[in-house]
Protein backbone atom coordinates (compact mmCIF):
# COMPACT_ATOMS: atom_id res chain seq x y z
CA MET A 1 30.38 -21.91 29.60
CA LYS A 2 26.79 -22.87 28.92
CA ASN A 3 25.63 -19.63 30.57
CA LEU A 4 28.03 -17.61 28.42
CA ALA A 5 26.60 -19.14 25.24
CA GLY A 6 23.08 -18.35 26.41
CA LEU A 7 24.09 -14.82 27.28
CA MET A 8 25.67 -14.33 23.85
CA LYS A 9 22.50 -15.62 22.20
CA GLN A 10 20.38 -13.18 24.24
CA ALA A 11 22.71 -10.31 23.33
CA SER A 12 22.43 -11.21 19.65
CA GLN A 13 18.64 -11.32 19.89
CA MET A 14 18.57 -7.97 21.68
CA GLN A 15 20.81 -6.45 19.01
CA ALA A 16 18.43 -7.70 16.30
CA LYS A 17 15.46 -6.24 18.18
CA MET A 18 17.25 -2.91 18.59
CA GLN A 19 18.00 -2.77 14.86
CA GLU A 20 14.36 -3.55 14.11
CA MET A 21 13.25 -0.84 16.55
CA GLN A 22 15.57 1.73 14.96
CA GLU A 23 14.14 0.94 11.53
CA LYS A 24 10.63 1.32 12.92
CA VAL A 25 11.52 4.65 14.57
CA GLU A 26 12.59 5.99 11.18
CA THR A 27 9.06 5.39 9.88
CA LEU A 28 7.36 7.19 12.78
CA THR A 29 5.88 10.65 12.36
CA ALA A 30 4.41 13.02 14.91
CA GLU A 31 2.33 16.12 14.31
CA GLY A 32 2.32 18.96 16.78
CA GLU A 33 -0.17 21.81 16.81
CA SER A 34 -0.46 25.23 18.36
CA GLY A 35 -2.87 28.13 18.21
CA ALA A 36 -5.89 25.80 18.31
CA GLY A 37 -4.64 24.02 15.20
CA MET A 38 -3.78 27.15 13.24
CA VAL A 39 -0.15 26.00 12.99
CA ALA A 40 0.99 22.40 12.67
CA VAL A 41 4.36 20.79 12.07
CA THR A 42 5.19 17.20 11.21
CA LEU A 43 8.39 15.57 12.44
CA GLY A 44 9.98 12.37 11.24
CA GLY A 45 11.24 9.67 13.58
CA LYS A 46 14.69 11.19 13.94
CA GLY A 47 13.29 14.64 14.68
CA GLU A 48 13.62 16.06 11.18
CA LEU A 49 11.02 18.62 10.14
CA ARG A 50 8.93 17.10 7.33
CA GLY A 51 6.11 19.57 6.98
CA VAL A 52 4.55 22.82 8.12
CA ARG A 53 0.89 23.79 7.81
CA ILE A 54 -0.16 27.38 8.52
CA ASP A 55 -3.70 28.71 8.49
CA PRO A 56 -3.85 31.43 5.79
CA LYS A 57 -5.38 33.83 8.34
CA LEU A 58 -1.97 34.03 10.01
CA ALA A 59 -0.24 35.34 6.86
CA ASP A 60 -0.75 38.93 8.01
CA PRO A 61 2.66 40.66 8.25
CA ALA A 62 1.49 42.38 11.43
CA GLU A 63 1.10 38.93 13.05
CA MET A 64 4.55 37.59 12.10
CA GLU A 65 5.84 37.46 15.69
CA MET A 66 2.81 35.42 16.79
CA LEU A 67 3.28 33.09 13.81
CA GLN A 68 6.91 32.52 14.76
CA ASP A 69 5.93 31.73 18.35
CA LEU A 70 3.24 29.33 17.15
CA LEU A 71 5.74 27.50 14.94
CA VAL A 72 8.08 27.01 17.88
CA ALA A 73 5.20 25.77 20.08
CA ALA A 74 3.97 23.36 17.39
CA HIS A 75 7.48 21.96 16.95
CA ALA A 76 7.81 21.44 20.71
CA ASP A 77 4.45 19.63 20.76
CA ALA A 78 5.48 17.34 17.90
CA LYS A 79 8.86 16.62 19.51
CA ARG A 80 7.17 15.69 22.81
CA LYS A 81 4.82 13.30 20.99
CA LEU A 82 7.69 11.79 18.99
CA ASP A 83 9.77 11.24 22.13
CA ALA A 84 6.81 9.51 23.78
CA ALA A 85 6.32 7.23 20.76
CA ILE A 86 10.02 6.33 20.72
CA ALA A 87 9.98 5.62 24.46
CA GLU A 88 6.99 3.33 23.95
CA GLU A 89 8.81 1.45 21.16
CA MET A 90 11.91 1.16 23.33
CA ALA A 91 9.89 -0.22 26.24
CA GLN A 92 8.53 -2.94 23.97
CA VAL A 93 12.02 -3.90 22.79
CA THR A 94 13.68 -3.83 26.21
CA GLY A 95 10.76 -5.24 28.13
CA GLY A 96 10.56 -2.07 30.21
CA LEU A 97 14.26 -2.11 31.11
CA GLN A 98 15.44 1.50 31.28
CA LEU A 99 18.51 2.64 29.36
CA PRO A 100 21.35 4.17 31.37
CA PRO A 101 21.09 7.96 31.74
CA GLY A 102 22.37 9.80 28.71
CA MET A 103 22.01 6.83 26.39
CA LYS A 104 19.53 7.60 23.63
CA LEU A 105 18.20 5.79 20.63
CA PRO A 106 18.36 5.83 17.74
CA PHE A 107 22.13 6.06 18.01
């Protein structure tokens, strides 16, 4: 029974660390750029779009298709950076232990 009590204590500590990590993830931001910085988007920790910056030179109606493509590319860049930051936070909490496939945080 002593091992069970120790295991329960470890589980409780891990749960507290996970909650702390989820709160920290919510404060993260990631900025992605495309078009050599002409378009930038900022994502929050849960992937929500928080901001868009567009170089005024791209406001030409004839360049709208390129602008749309650059927005998509900037979002993908920000999402990649955000996922990397979350993975780094998760590694610190779990001590490098990988989550089972398909299990993602924050829940």
